[in-house]
Structures are given as C-alpha cells and as structure tokens.
Amino acid sequence: SSPSPRCRVQRLRGRRRTGGPPGGEDEEEEEEEEKEELPYPTLAPVVLLALTQTSPPRSWCLRAVCHPYPSLLRVSILAILLNCVTLGMFQPCDHTPFLLQALDDGIFVFFAGEMVVKMVALGVIGQSGYLGDTWNRLDFFIVIVGMLEYSLDGHNVSLSAIRTVRVLRPLRAINRVPSMRILVTLLLDTLPMLGNVLALCFFVFFIFGIVGVQLWAGLLRNRCFMGDDVKIFYVQCKDHPFICSTERENGMLRCSDVPRRRVGGSYCFLGAEEAHAEMGLTVDEPVSCVNWYQYYNECRAGEINPHKGAINFDNIGYAWIAIFQVITLEGWVDIMYYVMDAHSFYNFIYFIFLIIVSSDRLWKTREYCVWPIS
C-alpha cells in the first residue's frame, strides 16, 4: 500500500534537505548523511527517550501509521459511524443497555489505542510529533476527556459538563477522510474573509437597536388592569395580558377595545353585579358568565414583558434579541403587532425596513462566501 500523505510529504522534504549546497561544513554533511540513512528522515530519530525508528515497537507503529492497510482505515471509519449511532441512541434518563455500553467502551478503547500508536510512532511533542498537528490535538482532547469521564464515574460527581464533549466525537472523521479535511480547512480559511460582513451586520444591529430603545423602551410592559372597585366581585381576578396604549401614545389597542370574554365558545354578557348568577349556571348555557374583560379599563405599566420577559426594547441587549428574532422571520409578526398596539400603527415601517436590509445582507454574505470557491 502507498504511504500516507503526511509521511510522503515528510520524506520528500527530507530529500530536499539532504541535497544541500556544495561546499558546506563537514558536520552538516554528516548530519545529512545520518538523516538520509533513516527510514523517515523528517521524523524524530528518537522518541520516548529510547525508541529509534528501527527498534520495535516503534518500527511497527511507524509501519502502521505511514503505510496503513486499507482495512484499518475502513475499521476506523466504521468505528466513527458506530460511535455516532451510540450517541444517537443514548438516553440519559434511562438505564443504558449492556450491549450499547459495551459497544461504546470498545470504540473508546480503539481510539485510545490508535492515539498511543501514533504517539509511539511520531513522538508526543515537536513539529513532526503527534501534538504538532491540529486534528491530532482534537483527537487527544476527546480521548483525555473520555478517560476523565470513566475515572470519575461512580464517584457521585456530576458528569453532565464532561459528557457534552461527546458531541465532538464524530469530528474524528475529518482526520480520517482527506477530502473532508480539505473542505473543512477551506471553510475555516474563508472565515477571516467574513470580517467586513460581520462588522456591517453588527452596525445594522446597533443602529436598529438604538432606534428601538429610543422609541419603545418600557412600552411593552403596558397592560390593561381591572379597577379595584370591581375586584371585590371577582376574587379570583388575574390581570389579563392585554398590551395597551396609554393616552399619550397613539397605539392601536386601547383598554376600551379589549374583546368580549368567551367561555365554551359563547360570549359573556353579564355584569359584575350579576356575578352571583354565574355561580349557579353551567358553562354550556348561553349568557351564563360575566364579561370581566369590560372592566380592564386601566392601562399602566406591568411587571413583565411578552414571552416571559424575553421580548422587549428596554435596553440594547434585549433589543438585539428581538431584532435577531425578526430577521429570522420566526414570530416577527407578533412582535410587530405588540409594538403597534402599544405605540403607533406606523411602526410597521421599522420592521419591514429591517427585514429588507437584513435579507439583502444575508444574500450578499452568501455570494461573498460562495463566489471565491466557485
């Protein structure tokens, strides 16, 4: 079988160094001759204090790493795929089946053994060592975290943070498939090219966030509340979350516009003075309930904002969260209606313009990323 690309490149570099310029010093020529005699000139002559390139077990490990059998590569890819299956079948709330746990343990032993073989063959540190390659460092980190998980298991220690590293296990396939590694490296190399685009996106977020804070800070807390004179009739009163517009604003929803209460598909028509009659009637009967919503006639600031306080423009941070949800086009209409109800009908211009600008920026980003590759 042909040598791996890593070892082939290293041997070519070793040959280039051996052909030094004429008239060099005798010591350099002797060193070059010694390197020329080594099977792998660019690798460390001695690793782990005693293992040379020709002494076993390093010679066996070098043969396995630099001249891998195709069957070993297939087994490595199969182990990664099986690891993805075991991760997908893992159920943290239930007991892990014995077969699934044994399969996961076997996969971990396989990758730990592969790491040890590469360390013996290449050495641990140095430019040509095992940790000199970025993808090998990722494998090393995953294996070490797995060892930590096994060592702490059964010691009454929370392993939730450590187990989240399991999501990195499928990334081992990048180091085994050369074509995938090239694509991932290419994508990582294009990230610095997006700096200007990200700066422009941040500028858009900042400008629209400032406008939102200046216009609507605290307005989404406005709610229609029931008067104290009516609460004595309605002991179980819970202020209904109707976003309203105060007298100084020009919003679309006033407390007088709150819709009639409905129970069981029927509208309620009774008044507060007839609350006692509601107790003796069933929900299915018409006009058997009190329209309490007609008494929500006091608009003032409440305690929380919509969606459990997540959507508001009280500060620049929450404004960015709302803007991000708007440009994702997920539930942006509800946010726009909240603002229109509390402030003004013409606030739709802000949201329409934000969507147009953000969509144009997203398309420009896509073209900027795809064009150099094509």
Protein backbone atom coordinates (compact mmCIF):
# COMPACT_ATOMS: atom_id res chain seq x y z
CA SER A 1 0.00 0.00 0.00
CA SER A 2 1.10 3.57 -0.64
CA PRO A 3 2.35 5.69 2.28
CA SER A 4 0.04 8.18 3.93
CA PRO A 5 0.18 11.80 2.65
CA ARG A 6 1.70 13.03 5.92
CA CYS A 7 4.65 10.59 5.71
CA ARG A 8 5.09 11.03 1.95
CA VAL A 9 5.40 14.82 2.29
CA GLN A 10 7.85 14.42 5.14
CA ARG A 11 10.10 12.08 3.13
CA LEU A 12 10.13 14.46 0.19
CA ARG A 13 11.13 17.29 2.48
CA GLY A 14 13.90 15.12 3.89
CA ARG A 15 15.28 14.51 0.42
CA ARG A 16 15.27 18.23 -0.31
CA ARG A 17 17.27 18.92 2.82
CA THR A 18 19.81 16.19 2.02
CA GLY A 19 20.67 17.87 -1.27
CA GLY A 20 22.36 20.85 0.40
CA PRO A 21 24.57 23.34 -1.38
CA PRO A 22 28.13 22.25 -2.25
CA GLY A 23 30.94 23.45 -0.06
CA GLY A 24 29.04 23.08 3.25
CA GLU A 25 30.64 22.23 6.52
CA ASP A 26 31.62 18.64 7.26
CA GLU A 27 29.39 18.43 10.32
CA GLU A 28 26.30 19.40 8.35
CA GLU A 29 27.14 16.83 5.69
CA GLU A 30 27.50 14.12 8.33
CA GLU A 31 24.15 15.06 9.86
CA GLU A 32 22.53 14.97 6.44
CA GLU A 33 24.04 11.57 5.74
CA GLU A 34 22.69 10.28 9.04
CA LYS A 35 19.25 11.62 8.19
CA GLU A 36 19.49 10.02 4.77
CA GLU A 37 20.04 6.64 6.38
CA LEU A 38 16.85 6.94 8.48
CA PRO A 39 13.67 5.36 7.05
CA TYR A 40 11.74 8.58 7.78
CA PRO A 41 14.22 11.48 7.77
CA THR A 42 11.82 14.21 8.86
CA LEU A 43 10.51 12.33 11.88
CA ALA A 44 12.28 12.41 15.23
CA PRO A 45 15.18 9.90 15.34
CA VAL A 46 14.43 9.02 18.97
CA VAL A 47 11.14 9.32 20.86
CA LEU A 48 10.18 8.49 24.43
CA LEU A 49 13.88 8.69 25.39
CA ALA A 50 14.85 5.31 23.88
CA LEU A 51 12.79 4.30 20.84
CA THR A 52 14.55 4.75 17.49
CA GLN A 53 12.94 4.45 14.09
CA THR A 54 14.24 0.91 13.58
CA SER A 55 13.63 -0.51 17.05
CA PRO A 56 10.40 -2.26 17.87
CA PRO A 57 7.73 -1.44 18.82
CA ARG A 58 8.23 1.98 17.16
CA SER A 59 9.08 0.41 13.80
CA TRP A 60 5.78 -1.47 13.88
CA CYS A 61 3.88 1.70 14.81
CA LEU A 62 5.61 3.65 12.03
CA ARG A 63 4.62 1.00 9.52
CA ALA A 64 1.01 1.15 10.72
CA VAL A 65 0.85 4.96 10.67
CA CYS A 66 2.80 5.76 7.50
CA HIS A 67 1.74 2.68 5.49
CA PRO A 68 -1.76 1.93 6.79
CA TYR A 69 -3.65 -1.01 5.42
CA PRO A 70 -6.93 -0.08 3.68
CA SER A 71 -8.77 -2.43 6.03
CA LEU A 72 -7.55 -0.46 9.07
CA LEU A 73 -8.83 2.78 7.57
CA ARG A 74 -12.20 1.18 6.94
CA VAL A 75 -12.34 -0.08 10.52
CA SER A 76 -11.57 3.42 11.79
CA ILE A 77 -14.37 4.95 9.70
CA LEU A 78 -16.74 2.17 10.81
CA ALA A 79 -15.88 2.90 14.46
CA ILE A 80 -16.71 6.57 13.96
CA LEU A 81 -20.06 5.69 12.37
CA LEU A 82 -20.88 3.27 15.19
CA ASN A 83 -19.96 5.98 17.67
CA CYS A 84 -22.48 8.31 16.01
CA VAL A 85 -25.13 5.57 16.35
CA THR A 86 -24.37 5.03 20.04
CA LEU A 87 -24.54 8.77 20.70
CA GLY A 88 -27.90 8.95 18.95
CA MET A 89 -29.30 6.03 20.98
CA PHE A 90 -28.07 7.37 24.34
CA GLN A 91 -30.93 8.07 26.78
CA PRO A 92 -29.76 9.98 29.87
CA CYS A 93 -32.97 9.36 31.83
CA ASP A 94 -32.99 5.57 31.35
CA HIS A 95 -30.51 2.83 32.12
CA THR A 96 -28.05 2.30 29.27
CA PRO A 97 -28.35 -1.22 27.76
CA PHE A 98 -25.38 -3.51 28.30
CA LEU A 99 -24.75 -4.00 24.57
CA LEU A 100 -24.79 -0.27 23.87
CA GLN A 101 -22.44 0.44 26.77
CA ALA A 102 -20.07 -2.34 25.72
CA LEU A 103 -20.02 -1.02 22.16
CA ASP A 104 -19.26 2.49 23.38
CA ASP A 105 -16.46 1.19 25.62
CA GLY A 106 -14.95 -0.80 22.76
CA ILE A 107 -14.96 2.24 20.48
CA PHE A 108 -13.24 4.30 23.16
CA VAL A 109 -10.54 1.63 23.62
CA PHE A 110 -9.99 1.53 19.86
CA PHE A 111 -9.40 5.29 19.58
CA ALA A 112 -7.27 5.37 22.74
CA GLY A 113 -5.10 2.61 21.27
CA GLU A 114 -4.85 4.48 17.97
CA MET A 115 -3.67 7.57 19.86
CA VAL A 116 -0.99 5.57 21.69
CA VAL A 117 0.24 4.02 18.43
CA LYS A 118 0.58 7.44 16.81
CA MET A 119 2.39 8.82 19.84
CA VAL A 120 4.90 5.96 19.75
CA ALA A 121 5.42 6.37 16.00
CA LEU A 122 5.62 10.16 15.73
CA GLY A 123 6.55 11.22 19.23
CA VAL A 124 4.43 13.33 21.52
CA ILE A 125 5.70 16.90 21.07
CA GLY A 126 7.54 18.75 18.34
CA GLN A 127 6.62 19.96 14.88
CA SER A 128 6.57 16.42 13.48
CA GLY A 129 5.14 14.90 16.68
CA TYR A 130 1.63 13.77 17.39
CA LEU A 131 0.57 17.03 19.05
CA GLY A 132 2.10 19.09 16.26
CA ASP A 133 -0.99 18.50 14.13
CA THR A 134 -4.20 20.40 14.94
CA TRP A 135 -6.54 17.50 14.19
CA ASN A 136 -4.44 15.15 16.33
CA ARG A 137 -4.76 17.61 19.18
CA LEU A 138 -8.55 17.41 18.79
CA ASP A 139 -8.39 13.59 18.98
CA PHE A 140 -6.13 13.84 22.04
CA PHE A 141 -8.57 16.18 23.79
CA ILE A 142 -11.54 13.89 23.10
CA VAL A 143 -9.70 10.80 24.38
CA ILE A 144 -8.47 12.56 27.53
CA VAL A 145 -11.97 13.81 28.34
CA GLY A 146 -13.26 10.26 27.81
CA MET A 147 -10.66 8.94 30.25
CA LEU A 148 -11.73 11.59 32.76
CA GLU A 149 -15.35 10.52 32.37
CA TYR A 150 -14.51 6.87 33.03
CA SER A 151 -12.31 7.74 36.02
CA LEU A 152 -14.99 9.89 37.70
CA ASP A 153 -17.87 7.51 37.00
CA GLY A 154 -19.33 6.19 40.24
CA HIS A 155 -17.77 8.87 42.46
CA ASN A 156 -21.00 10.88 42.94
CA VAL A 157 -19.74 13.60 40.60
CA SER A 158 -21.90 15.42 38.04
CA LEU A 159 -20.64 14.43 34.58
CA SER A 160 -23.10 16.46 32.51
CA ALA A 161 -20.48 19.06 31.54
CA ILE A 162 -17.92 16.38 30.62
CA ARG A 163 -20.42 14.34 28.62
CA THR A 164 -21.21 17.32 26.42
CA VAL A 165 -17.77 16.80 24.85
CA ARG A 166 -19.16 13.61 23.31
CA VAL A 167 -20.63 15.76 20.57
CA LEU A 168 -17.06 16.26 19.26
CA ARG A 169 -16.50 12.54 18.68
CA PRO A 170 -17.91 12.47 15.10
CA LEU A 171 -15.31 15.14 14.20
CA ARG A 172 -12.72 12.37 14.20
CA ALA A 173 -13.91 11.56 10.68
CA ILE A 174 -12.30 14.80 9.46
CA ASN A 175 -8.85 13.44 10.33
CA ARG A 176 -9.54 10.11 8.57
CA VAL A 177 -11.10 11.30 5.30
CA PRO A 178 -8.65 13.51 3.34
CA SER A 179 -11.31 15.07 1.10
CA MET A 180 -13.42 16.07 4.10
CA ARG A 181 -10.35 17.51 5.79
CA ILE A 182 -9.62 19.66 2.74
CA LEU A 183 -13.18 21.01 2.67
CA VAL A 184 -13.22 21.82 6.38
CA THR A 185 -9.83 23.53 6.12
CA LEU A 186 -11.11 25.56 3.17
CA LEU A 187 -14.18 26.66 5.14
CA LEU A 188 -12.03 27.66 8.10
CA ASP A 189 -9.74 29.65 5.81
CA THR A 190 -12.72 31.64 4.48
CA LEU A 191 -13.81 32.79 7.97
CA PRO A 192 -11.41 35.77 8.09
CA MET A 193 -12.89 36.95 4.78
CA LEU A 194 -16.24 37.45 6.54
CA GLY A 195 -14.87 40.07 8.95
CA ASN A 196 -16.21 43.04 6.99
CA VAL A 197 -19.60 41.37 6.55
CA LEU A 198 -19.88 40.66 10.28
CA ALA A 199 -18.88 44.24 11.06
CA LEU A 200 -21.66 45.50 8.78
CA CYS A 201 -24.18 43.16 10.42
CA PHE A 202 -23.15 44.45 13.85
CA PHE A 203 -23.60 48.01 12.58
CA VAL A 204 -27.15 47.19 11.40
CA PHE A 205 -27.97 45.56 14.74
CA PHE A 206 -26.58 48.53 16.64
CA ILE A 207 -28.47 51.19 14.64
CA PHE A 208 -31.82 49.40 14.73
CA GLY A 209 -31.31 48.54 18.40
CA ILE A 210 -30.75 52.18 19.34
CA VAL A 211 -33.86 53.23 17.40
CA GLY A 212 -35.94 50.54 19.12
CA VAL A 213 -34.72 51.51 22.60
CA GLN A 214 -35.38 55.21 21.99
CA LEU A 215 -38.91 54.60 20.73
CA TRP A 216 -40.26 51.65 22.72
CA ALA A 217 -38.31 51.31 25.98
CA GLY A 218 -40.78 50.10 28.62
CA LEU A 219 -43.86 50.28 26.37
CA LEU A 220 -44.34 46.52 26.06
CA ARG A 221 -44.94 46.36 29.81
CA ASN A 222 -48.21 48.29 29.47
CA ARG A 223 -51.22 46.14 30.38
CA CYS A 224 -54.94 46.61 30.91
CA PHE A 225 -55.75 46.17 34.60
CA MET A 226 -59.03 45.77 36.40
CA GLY A 227 -60.13 48.55 38.75
CA ASP A 228 -60.05 47.95 42.48
CA ASP A 229 -63.77 48.66 42.78
CA VAL A 230 -64.55 45.63 40.60
CA LYS A 231 -62.03 43.21 42.13
CA ILE A 232 -64.25 42.86 45.20
CA PHE A 233 -66.75 41.00 42.98
CA TYR A 234 -64.09 38.92 41.24
CA VAL A 235 -61.98 37.35 43.98
CA GLN A 236 -60.00 35.12 41.61
CA CYS A 237 -59.02 38.04 39.42
CA LYS A 238 -55.91 37.68 37.30
CA ASP A 239 -54.92 40.66 35.22
CA HIS A 240 -55.24 39.62 31.60
CA PRO A 241 -52.12 40.21 29.48
CA PHE A 242 -53.60 42.73 27.05
CA ILE A 243 -50.88 45.06 25.74
CA CYS A 244 -52.41 48.52 25.61
CA SER A 245 -51.59 52.06 24.61
CA THR A 246 -51.63 54.91 27.12
CA GLU A 247 -53.31 58.24 26.46
CA ARG A 248 -50.05 59.94 25.43
CA GLU A 249 -49.29 57.26 22.83
CA ASN A 250 -51.08 56.59 19.57
CA GLY A 251 -51.24 52.80 19.74
CA MET A 252 -53.84 50.63 18.07
CA LEU A 253 -55.24 48.95 21.21
CA ARG A 254 -56.94 50.87 23.99
CA CYS A 255 -58.33 49.22 27.07
CA SER A 256 -61.80 50.08 25.81
CA ASP A 257 -61.09 47.91 22.75
CA VAL A 258 -60.47 44.70 24.71
CA PRO A 259 -62.58 41.93 23.13
CA ARG A 260 -65.52 40.36 24.94
CA ARG A 261 -64.79 37.35 27.12
CA ARG A 262 -65.70 33.94 25.74
CA VAL A 263 -66.43 30.76 27.71
CA GLY A 264 -67.10 27.46 25.98
CA GLY A 265 -67.40 29.16 22.59
CA SER A 266 -70.07 31.61 23.76
CA TYR A 267 -69.68 35.29 24.55
CA CYS A 268 -70.31 36.55 28.07
CA PHE A 269 -72.87 39.32 28.66
CA LEU A 270 -73.41 39.51 32.44
CA GLY A 271 -72.16 42.40 34.54
CA ALA A 272 -70.21 42.40 37.78
CA GLU A 273 -73.34 42.96 39.85
CA GLU A 274 -74.68 39.67 38.46
CA ALA A 275 -71.64 37.66 39.44
CA HIS A 276 -73.68 35.60 41.87
CA ALA A 277 -75.82 34.32 39.00
CA GLU A 278 -72.78 32.88 37.29
CA MET A 279 -72.17 30.52 40.15
CA GLY A 280 -75.38 28.60 39.62
CA LEU A 281 -75.18 28.22 35.83
CA THR A 282 -73.12 25.88 33.72
CA VAL A 283 -70.56 26.92 31.17
CA ASP A 284 -72.53 25.40 28.31
CA GLU A 285 -75.51 27.67 28.87
CA PRO A 286 -75.55 30.95 26.87
CA VAL A 287 -75.10 34.31 28.62
CA SER A 288 -74.23 32.45 31.84
CA CYS A 289 -70.90 34.15 32.50
CA VAL A 290 -69.70 37.62 33.41
CA ASN A 291 -67.77 39.63 30.84
CA TRP A 292 -64.96 40.59 33.17
CA TYR A 293 -62.88 41.95 30.28
CA GLN A 294 -65.05 45.05 30.09
CA TYR A 295 -63.63 46.12 33.45
CA TYR A 296 -60.00 46.02 32.27
CA ASN A 297 -60.09 49.76 31.71
CA GLU A 298 -56.89 50.95 33.39
CA CYS A 299 -53.73 50.96 31.25
CA ARG A 300 -50.48 51.12 33.19
CA ALA A 301 -47.03 49.55 33.29
CA GLY A 302 -46.90 45.95 34.48
CA GLU A 303 -44.06 43.81 35.77
CA ILE A 304 -43.07 41.60 32.84
CA ASN A 305 -42.69 41.86 29.08
CA PRO A 306 -44.16 39.48 26.47
CA HIS A 307 -42.90 35.89 26.23
CA LYS A 308 -41.84 35.79 29.89
CA GLY A 309 -39.80 38.96 29.56
CA ALA A 310 -37.74 37.85 26.55
CA ILE A 311 -39.19 40.28 24.01
CA ASN A 312 -38.72 43.96 24.78
CA PHE A 313 -36.73 47.05 23.87
CA ASP A 314 -35.88 48.16 27.40
CA ASN A 315 -32.11 48.03 26.70
CA ILE A 316 -29.79 47.40 23.79
CA GLY A 317 -29.22 43.75 24.73
CA TYR A 318 -32.90 42.78 24.67
CA ALA A 319 -33.36 44.90 21.56
CA TRP A 320 -30.73 42.79 19.76
CA ILE A 321 -32.58 39.62 20.79
CA ALA A 322 -35.83 40.97 19.35
CA ILE A 323 -34.07 42.12 16.17
CA PHE A 324 -32.47 38.71 15.72
CA GLN A 325 -35.86 37.03 16.00
CA VAL A 326 -37.31 39.45 13.46
CA ILE A 327 -34.61 38.81 10.85
CA THR A 328 -35.07 35.04 11.27
CA LEU A 329 -38.73 35.60 10.24
CA GLU A 330 -39.85 33.40 13.14
CA GLY A 331 -42.69 35.06 15.06
CA TRP A 332 -41.73 38.55 13.87
CA VAL A 333 -45.35 39.43 13.13
CA ASP A 334 -46.32 39.05 16.80
CA ILE A 335 -43.51 41.40 17.85
CA MET A 336 -44.61 43.95 15.27
CA TYR A 337 -48.24 43.78 16.49
CA TYR A 338 -47.11 44.21 20.12
CA VAL A 339 -45.27 47.40 19.22
CA MET A 340 -48.10 48.67 17.03
CA ASP A 341 -50.64 48.09 19.81
CA ALA A 342 -48.52 49.90 22.38
CA HIS A 343 -47.05 52.78 20.36
CA SER A 344 -48.23 53.52 16.82
CA PHE A 345 -49.62 51.94 13.70
CA TYR A 346 -46.76 53.29 11.58
CA ASN A 347 -44.17 51.21 13.43
CA PHE A 348 -44.58 48.55 10.74
CA ILE A 349 -42.19 50.64 8.63
CA TYR A 350 -39.37 49.81 11.06
CA PHE A 351 -39.91 46.05 10.82
CA ILE A 352 -40.41 45.95 7.05
CA PHE A 353 -37.25 48.00 6.50
CA LEU A 354 -35.32 45.80 8.96
CA ILE A 355 -36.33 42.64 7.09
CA ILE A 356 -35.40 44.12 3.71
CA VAL A 357 -31.98 45.29 4.92
CA SER A 358 -31.18 42.03 6.76
CA SER A 359 -32.30 39.87 3.82
CA ASP A 360 -30.11 41.88 1.45
CA ARG A 361 -27.14 41.49 3.83
CA LEU A 362 -27.70 37.72 4.06
CA TRP A 363 -27.71 37.35 0.28
CA LYS A 364 -24.57 39.45 0.00
CA THR A 365 -22.90 37.25 2.60
CA ARG A 366 -23.87 34.12 0.68
CA GLU A 367 -22.46 35.48 -2.56
CA TYR A 368 -19.30 36.62 -0.78
CA CYS A 369 -18.72 33.14 0.62
CA VAL A 370 -19.63 31.08 -2.43
CA TRP A 371 -18.01 33.15 -5.18
CA PRO A 372 -14.32 32.55 -4.26
CA ILE A 373 -14.91 28.78 -4.01
CA SER A 374 -16.56 28.52 -7.40
